[in-house]
Amino acid sequence: MLKKLITITFICFSLFAKANMAEPIDRSGSLGSRPFTNQFVAIEHEDLYMKIDKDFKTALYHITYHINAKKEGQQIPLLFYASDWISGFKVLVDGKEVAHQHVPERYFEDNDFTDFNYIFGDDEEDVLLETSPTSGFIINLKDMLYFETDITKGKHTIEVFYEGYRWRNGINWVNEYSFRYSLSPVKYWKSFGTLDITIDATAFNHDFTTNLGNPISKENKLFKWHFDKLPAQAMLIDYDPKISNLAELVVAMEAFGLASFIGLILLTLYIPVVVGYRKRHPDKKYSWVVILGAFTLPFLFMLTWLYSYEFIDYVIGEHAGKEHGYSTFFALFVYPLAIPVFWITFWIIDKRAKNTIK
């Protein structure tokens, strides 16, 4: 019987684990970034406009750079890094669209990017892109987009459009969402002008937070900021979804708490069964009810613990993280440890009932 129970345990656990043993990670979304400028281009002002959709899933970006070119001729004024953008990446110079592309292999032969040597050096191809004061990653020149244009000395506007996808952090019971835009390349610029940020949340009917401080205006759900220095390494727009009162309760209880509650109910209901059997069979040396309960109740407790994760996710709904890592794995070890505890408990109850009858 023990072998059968163990076999059933592993079957039930394996079915559950297929969908629930994923490592809780930060799911990648689109990462936009301020551009890297060549040594002859100064960005005097930047307008960053971002429109969030109604579900906080995607955002449309429209960034306008007001530049001052210190030399004229065919050149590459800016290098862009926009990771995993969905669609619509478009560049306009003075209102006219120009073709953009990834850095080709011929760069390494012809060295077409000499104007950026003050950033990369003569033989370097990597640069640090910071996403916070304590984190960041190395990006390669091949990861960037560029365009060539024939511009005159003086002032010009460069506009960039694209659609980006949100980030999802599933490490907790309830997903946390964010949009991220790295501002750190400004430290490579020859000069720093002013920055205006507008977040258009007219379609989004929930609260969100940013790391930009208090806006100077938020009329009609158009949130505006003005900066004359770098406000942060990266702009973060965060949204923590609200959940129902029932979901808050089960999240507070956790899977183990739910299983313990159900286990206590099962234990309370089973004690009269143990006592009732002894009353009917006072002379029996062993109680099969005690043996059965010692194996079945820990098994039911373990299954309840395992499937409590799915139940909590179901109660939370669409914003459930559903990635609990290896925490569910520990429930499997409860079964062999709980058997002697339940067995001794039921044995004591059975013995007392037997002594009372005598």
Protein backbone atom coordinates (compact mmCIF):
# COMPACT_ATOMS: atom_id res chain seq x y z
CA MET A 1 0.00 0.00 0.00
CA LEU A 2 2.85 2.36 0.85
CA LYS A 3 4.42 1.85 -2.57
CA LYS A 4 1.11 2.63 -4.28
CA LEU A 5 0.68 5.82 -2.29
CA ILE A 6 4.20 6.96 -3.12
CA THR A 7 3.64 6.23 -6.81
CA ILE A 8 0.40 8.22 -6.83
CA THR A 9 2.20 11.04 -5.01
CA PHE A 10 4.88 11.33 -7.67
CA ILE A 11 2.30 11.21 -10.48
CA CYS A 12 0.24 14.01 -8.93
CA PHE A 13 3.35 16.04 -8.16
CA SER A 14 4.78 15.66 -11.66
CA LEU A 15 1.53 16.79 -13.28
CA PHE A 16 1.51 19.85 -11.09
CA ALA A 17 5.20 20.60 -11.46
CA LYS A 18 5.10 20.83 -15.26
CA ALA A 19 3.28 24.13 -15.04
CA ASN A 20 4.69 25.44 -11.81
CA MET A 21 8.41 24.78 -11.54
CA ALA A 22 9.54 27.75 -13.62
CA GLU A 23 12.09 30.03 -12.07
CA PRO A 24 10.54 33.36 -11.03
CA ILE A 25 12.31 35.95 -13.17
CA ASP A 26 11.90 39.42 -14.51
CA ARG A 27 10.36 38.88 -17.95
CA SER A 28 12.04 41.09 -20.51
CA GLY A 29 10.17 43.92 -22.12
CA SER A 30 11.31 46.73 -24.38
CA LEU A 31 14.20 48.83 -23.15
CA GLY A 32 14.53 52.21 -24.80
CA SER A 33 17.48 54.50 -24.27
CA ARG A 34 18.72 57.97 -24.93
CA PRO A 35 21.10 57.92 -27.92
CA PHE A 36 24.86 58.12 -27.99
CA THR A 37 25.95 61.29 -29.79
CA ASN A 38 28.99 61.83 -31.95
CA GLN A 39 31.59 64.32 -30.79
CA PHE A 40 30.34 67.06 -33.16
CA VAL A 41 26.68 66.97 -32.09
CA ALA A 42 25.27 68.65 -28.98
CA ILE A 43 21.72 67.80 -27.84
CA GLU A 44 20.40 71.06 -26.48
CA HIS A 45 16.92 69.82 -25.59
CA GLU A 46 14.99 66.56 -25.57
CA ASP A 47 11.22 65.99 -25.53
CA LEU A 48 10.20 62.50 -24.47
CA TYR A 49 6.52 61.70 -25.01
CA MET A 50 5.16 58.34 -23.93
CA LYS A 51 1.55 57.14 -24.35
CA ILE A 52 0.49 54.15 -22.24
CA ASP A 53 -2.28 51.88 -23.56
CA LYS A 54 -5.42 51.03 -21.55
CA ASP A 55 -4.02 47.71 -20.27
CA PHE A 56 -0.50 48.89 -19.41
CA LYS A 57 0.87 46.39 -21.93
CA THR A 58 2.42 48.62 -24.56
CA ALA A 59 3.49 52.22 -24.90
CA LEU A 60 4.09 54.47 -27.88
CA TYR A 61 7.26 56.58 -27.73
CA HIS A 62 7.91 59.81 -29.57
CA ILE A 63 11.25 61.39 -28.72
CA THR A 64 12.44 64.65 -30.26
CA TYR A 65 16.08 65.70 -30.03
CA HIS A 66 16.95 69.34 -30.70
CA ILE A 67 20.58 69.19 -31.78
CA ASN A 68 23.30 71.64 -32.73
CA ALA A 69 25.70 70.21 -35.34
CA LYS A 70 29.25 71.55 -35.13
CA LYS A 71 30.20 70.28 -38.60
CA GLU A 72 28.39 69.67 -41.86
CA GLY A 73 28.32 66.83 -44.37
CA GLN A 74 27.32 63.18 -44.49
CA GLN A 75 27.62 61.81 -41.00
CA ILE A 76 26.09 59.59 -38.33
CA PRO A 77 24.88 61.97 -35.64
CA LEU A 78 23.29 59.49 -33.19
CA LEU A 79 23.46 55.81 -32.22
CA PHE A 80 20.31 54.27 -30.74
CA TYR A 81 19.75 51.31 -28.47
CA ALA A 82 16.15 50.10 -28.36
CA SER A 83 15.90 46.49 -27.23
CA ASP A 84 12.95 44.26 -28.12
CA TRP A 85 10.76 47.07 -29.38
CA ILE A 86 7.58 45.76 -30.96
CA SER A 87 7.20 47.74 -34.14
CA GLY A 88 7.24 51.12 -35.79
CA PHE A 89 10.84 52.20 -35.17
CA LYS A 90 11.16 55.27 -37.34
CA VAL A 91 13.60 58.17 -37.52
CA LEU A 92 12.90 61.63 -38.97
CA VAL A 93 15.52 64.32 -39.53
CA ASP A 94 14.01 67.78 -39.88
CA GLY A 95 10.68 66.13 -40.63
CA LYS A 96 11.96 63.74 -43.32
CA GLU A 97 12.19 60.01 -42.67
CA VAL A 98 15.62 58.42 -43.02
CA ALA A 99 16.52 54.75 -43.19
CA HIS A 100 17.98 53.15 -40.10
CA GLN A 101 19.90 49.91 -39.79
CA HIS A 102 22.10 47.85 -37.52
CA VAL A 103 25.81 48.53 -37.56
CA PRO A 104 27.22 46.53 -40.52
CA GLU A 105 30.36 44.44 -40.52
CA ARG A 106 32.13 46.96 -42.76
CA TYR A 107 32.40 49.29 -39.77
CA PHE A 108 35.18 47.11 -38.49
CA GLU A 109 37.01 47.45 -41.79
CA ASP A 110 36.32 51.06 -42.76
CA ASN A 111 35.90 52.46 -39.23
CA ASP A 112 32.96 54.64 -40.26
CA PHE A 113 32.25 55.57 -36.65
CA THR A 114 35.37 57.60 -35.93
CA ASP A 115 33.20 60.43 -34.61
CA PHE A 116 32.26 58.11 -31.71
CA ASN A 117 35.81 57.16 -30.78
CA TYR A 118 35.64 59.39 -27.71
CA ILE A 119 33.07 56.87 -26.39
CA PHE A 120 34.30 53.54 -27.72
CA GLY A 121 37.98 54.18 -28.28
CA ASP A 122 39.85 53.03 -31.35
CA ASP A 123 39.46 49.30 -30.74
CA GLU A 124 36.57 49.04 -28.30
CA GLU A 125 33.11 47.88 -29.31
CA ASP A 126 31.33 47.81 -25.92
CA VAL A 127 29.88 50.45 -23.66
CA LEU A 128 28.08 50.36 -20.32
CA LEU A 129 24.34 51.06 -20.29
CA GLU A 130 23.19 51.71 -16.73
CA THR A 131 19.63 50.90 -15.70
CA SER A 132 19.97 52.03 -12.06
CA PRO A 133 22.70 53.39 -9.76
CA THR A 134 23.76 49.81 -9.00
CA SER A 135 22.92 47.82 -12.13
CA GLY A 136 23.40 47.85 -15.86
CA PHE A 137 24.81 45.79 -18.69
CA ILE A 138 27.35 45.96 -21.46
CA ILE A 139 26.01 46.60 -24.95
CA ASN A 140 27.94 46.07 -28.14
CA LEU A 141 28.12 48.44 -31.06
CA LYS A 142 26.42 45.73 -33.15
CA ASP A 143 23.35 45.98 -30.85
CA MET A 144 22.72 49.57 -31.90
CA LEU A 145 20.76 51.21 -34.68
CA TYR A 146 22.16 54.08 -36.70
CA PHE A 147 21.33 56.27 -39.67
CA GLU A 148 23.37 58.46 -42.00
CA THR A 149 22.30 61.93 -43.02
CA ASP A 150 23.72 64.95 -44.78
CA ILE A 151 23.22 67.86 -42.41
CA THR A 152 24.44 71.41 -42.28
CA LYS A 153 26.01 73.17 -39.34
CA GLY A 154 23.54 74.53 -36.86
CA LYS A 155 20.25 73.45 -35.33
CA HIS A 156 18.20 70.44 -36.41
CA THR A 157 15.52 68.16 -34.99
CA ILE A 158 15.71 64.37 -34.92
CA GLU A 159 12.54 62.46 -34.06
CA VAL A 160 12.29 58.81 -33.09
CA PHE A 161 9.08 56.75 -32.95
CA TYR A 162 8.55 53.18 -31.77
CA GLU A 163 6.22 50.94 -29.77
CA GLY A 164 7.56 49.19 -26.71
CA TYR A 165 6.33 46.36 -24.51
CA ARG A 166 6.11 46.40 -20.71
CA TRP A 167 8.33 44.45 -18.32
CA ARG A 168 6.80 41.90 -15.97
CA ASN A 169 8.23 40.91 -12.61
CA GLY A 170 6.68 37.59 -11.57
CA ILE A 171 8.73 36.94 -8.46
CA ASN A 172 5.78 37.64 -6.15
CA TRP A 173 2.21 36.32 -6.08
CA VAL A 174 0.96 39.37 -8.00
CA ASN A 175 2.78 40.58 -11.11
CA GLU A 176 4.52 43.93 -11.04
CA TYR A 177 4.70 45.77 -14.36
CA SER A 178 6.94 48.56 -15.57
CA PHE A 179 8.14 50.51 -18.56
CA ARG A 180 11.85 51.32 -18.61
CA TYR A 181 13.87 53.88 -20.49
CA SER A 182 17.58 54.29 -19.83
CA LEU A 183 18.79 57.87 -19.43
CA SER A 184 22.39 57.00 -18.58
CA PRO A 185 23.99 57.55 -22.05
CA VAL A 186 23.83 61.27 -21.25
CA LYS A 187 27.07 60.85 -19.32
CA TYR A 188 28.78 60.18 -22.68
CA TRP A 189 27.41 63.34 -24.26
CA LYS A 190 29.62 66.34 -24.89
CA SER A 191 26.97 68.56 -23.33
CA PHE A 192 23.69 68.20 -21.45
CA GLY A 193 20.72 70.38 -22.27
CA THR A 194 17.21 70.23 -20.85
CA LEU A 195 14.76 67.36 -20.79
CA ASP A 196 10.97 67.46 -20.88
CA ILE A 197 9.07 64.23 -20.18
CA THR A 198 5.35 63.75 -20.85
CA ILE A 199 3.51 60.56 -19.89
CA ASP A 200 0.11 60.32 -21.51
CA ALA A 201 -2.10 58.10 -19.33
CA THR A 202 -5.45 59.22 -20.71
CA ALA A 203 -6.29 55.65 -21.77
CA PHE A 204 -5.11 54.03 -18.54
CA ASN A 205 -7.57 54.19 -15.64
CA HIS A 206 -5.32 53.04 -12.80
CA ASP A 207 -2.64 54.58 -10.62
CA PHE A 208 1.04 54.19 -11.40
CA THR A 209 4.29 55.47 -9.91
CA THR A 210 7.55 56.80 -11.35
CA ASN A 211 11.03 57.53 -10.07
CA LEU A 212 10.94 61.03 -11.53
CA GLY A 213 9.57 62.85 -8.51
CA ASN A 214 6.49 65.03 -8.52
CA PRO A 215 5.35 66.23 -11.95
CA ILE A 216 5.02 69.92 -12.64
CA SER A 217 1.64 69.22 -14.22
CA LYS A 218 -0.81 66.31 -14.40
CA GLU A 219 -3.85 67.92 -15.94
CA ASN A 220 -6.16 65.58 -17.89
CA LYS A 221 -3.85 62.65 -17.03
CA LEU A 222 -0.96 64.21 -18.95
CA PHE A 223 1.95 64.03 -16.49
CA LYS A 224 4.79 66.42 -17.26
CA TRP A 225 8.30 66.90 -15.89
CA HIS A 226 11.12 69.31 -16.73
CA PHE A 227 14.78 68.63 -15.92
CA ASP A 228 18.01 70.50 -16.40
CA LYS A 229 20.08 67.61 -15.01
CA LEU A 230 19.88 63.82 -15.11
CA PRO A 231 16.95 62.77 -12.83
CA ALA A 232 17.91 59.08 -12.66
CA GLN A 233 19.93 56.41 -14.44
CA ALA A 234 16.71 55.05 -15.91
CA MET A 235 13.13 56.26 -16.10
CA LEU A 236 10.80 53.72 -14.48
CA ILE A 237 7.01 53.74 -14.72
CA ASP A 238 5.61 51.10 -12.36
CA TYR A 239 2.14 49.63 -12.00
CA ASP A 240 1.08 47.27 -9.19
CA PRO A 241 -2.38 45.85 -9.98
CA LYS A 242 -5.05 45.83 -7.29
CA ILE A 243 -6.54 42.48 -6.31
CA SER A 244 -9.76 41.48 -4.54
CA ASN A 245 -10.11 41.18 -0.75
CA LEU A 246 -10.34 37.40 -1.09
CA ALA A 247 -7.14 37.35 -3.11
CA GLU A 248 -5.40 39.48 -0.48
CA LEU A 249 -6.53 37.00 2.19
CA VAL A 250 -5.24 33.87 0.43
CA VAL A 251 -2.00 35.62 -0.52
CA ALA A 252 -1.50 36.53 3.16
CA MET A 253 -2.16 32.92 4.18
CA GLU A 254 0.26 31.54 1.57
CA ALA A 255 0.00 28.00 0.22
CA PHE A 256 1.24 26.45 3.45
CA GLY A 257 -1.29 28.39 5.51
CA LEU A 258 -4.15 27.23 3.28
CA ALA A 259 -2.95 23.65 3.46
CA SER A 260 -2.62 23.85 7.24
CA PHE A 261 -6.17 25.20 7.54
CA ILE A 262 -7.58 22.38 5.40
CA GLY A 263 -5.40 19.86 7.23
CA LEU A 264 -6.75 21.02 10.58
CA ILE A 265 -10.31 20.56 9.32
CA LEU A 266 -9.50 17.04 8.06
CA LEU A 267 -7.85 16.18 11.37
CA THR A 268 -10.85 17.43 13.32
CA LEU A 269 -13.23 15.41 11.17
CA TYR A 270 -11.14 12.25 11.36
CA ILE A 271 -10.73 12.07 15.15
CA PRO A 272 -14.38 10.99 15.68
CA VAL A 273 -13.80 8.26 13.07
CA VAL A 274 -10.85 6.93 15.08
CA VAL A 275 -12.81 7.04 18.34
CA GLY A 276 -15.93 5.57 16.74
CA TYR A 277 -14.05 2.60 15.34
CA ARG A 278 -12.50 1.89 18.73
CA LYS A 279 -15.91 2.00 20.41
CA ARG A 280 -17.19 -0.57 17.95
CA HIS A 281 -14.09 -2.75 18.25
CA PRO A 282 -12.72 -2.30 21.78
CA ASP A 283 -10.78 -5.58 21.74
CA LYS A 284 -8.99 -5.10 18.42
CA LYS A 285 -5.24 -4.96 18.94
CA TYR A 286 -4.64 -2.71 15.94
CA SER A 287 -6.92 -0.10 14.38
CA TRP A 288 -6.89 -0.04 10.59
CA VAL A 289 -8.49 3.42 10.83
CA VAL A 290 -5.37 4.70 12.60
CA ILE A 291 -3.10 3.18 9.95
CA LEU A 292 -5.22 4.48 7.09
CA GLY A 293 -5.38 7.99 8.58
CA ALA A 294 -1.63 8.05 9.18
CA PHE A 295 -1.04 7.62 5.44
CA THR A 296 -4.02 9.34 3.82
CA LEU A 297 -4.23 12.58 5.82
CA PRO A 298 -0.56 13.56 5.27
CA PHE A 299 -1.05 12.69 1.60
CA LEU A 300 -4.13 14.92 1.37
CA PHE A 301 -2.28 17.68 3.24
CA MET A 302 0.61 17.46 0.77
CA LEU A 303 -1.72 17.58 -2.24
CA THR A 304 -3.59 20.52 -0.73
CA TRP A 305 -0.30 22.35 -0.27
CA LEU A 306 0.74 21.65 -3.85
CA TYR A 307 -2.54 22.68 -5.43
CA SER A 308 -2.94 25.70 -3.17
CA TYR A 309 -0.51 27.50 -5.50
CA GLU A 310 -2.88 27.03 -8.43
CA PHE A 311 -5.86 27.98 -6.28
CA ILE A 312 -4.24 31.23 -5.14
CA ASP A 313 -3.26 32.05 -8.73
CA TYR A 314 -6.87 31.40 -9.78
CA VAL A 315 -8.24 33.73 -7.09
CA ILE A 316 -5.76 36.47 -8.04
CA GLY A 317 -6.79 36.21 -11.69
CA GLU A 318 -5.03 37.64 -14.73
CA HIS A 319 -2.29 39.36 -12.75
CA ALA A 320 -1.12 36.21 -10.95
CA GLY A 321 2.62 35.63 -11.16
CA LYS A 322 2.22 31.85 -11.62
CA GLU A 323 5.95 31.31 -11.24
CA HIS A 324 6.72 29.93 -7.81
CA GLY A 325 10.15 28.55 -8.48
CA TYR A 326 11.09 25.49 -6.46
CA SER A 327 9.01 26.37 -3.40
CA THR A 328 6.40 23.80 -4.45
CA PHE A 329 9.07 21.10 -4.41
CA PHE A 330 9.41 21.22 -0.63
CA ALA A 331 5.82 20.10 -0.18
CA LEU A 332 6.86 16.67 -1.44
CA PHE A 333 9.13 16.15 1.58
CA VAL A 334 6.30 16.84 3.99
CA TYR A 335 4.63 13.51 3.28
CA PRO A 336 7.22 11.09 4.77
CA LEU A 337 7.82 13.47 7.68
CA ALA A 338 4.13 13.87 8.47
CA ILE A 339 3.29 10.14 8.49
CA PRO A 340 4.86 9.37 11.92
CA VAL A 341 3.37 12.57 13.38
CA PHE A 342 -0.16 11.64 12.32
CA TRP A 343 0.38 8.00 13.25
CA ILE A 344 1.47 8.85 16.79
CA THR A 345 -1.36 11.36 17.16
CA PHE A 346 -4.04 8.88 16.10
CA TRP A 347 -2.40 6.09 18.14
CA ILE A 348 -2.59 8.22 21.31
CA ILE A 349 -6.24 9.11 20.60
CA ASP A 350 -7.04 5.45 19.91
CA LYS A 351 -5.27 4.30 23.06
CA ARG A 352 -7.09 6.81 25.25
CA ALA A 353 -10.41 5.82 23.71
CA LYS A 354 -9.59 2.17 24.38
CA ASN A 355 -8.65 2.87 28.03
CA THR A 356 -11.83 4.91 28.51
CA ILE A 357 -13.98 2.08 27.24
CA LYS A 358 -12.24 -0.43 29.56
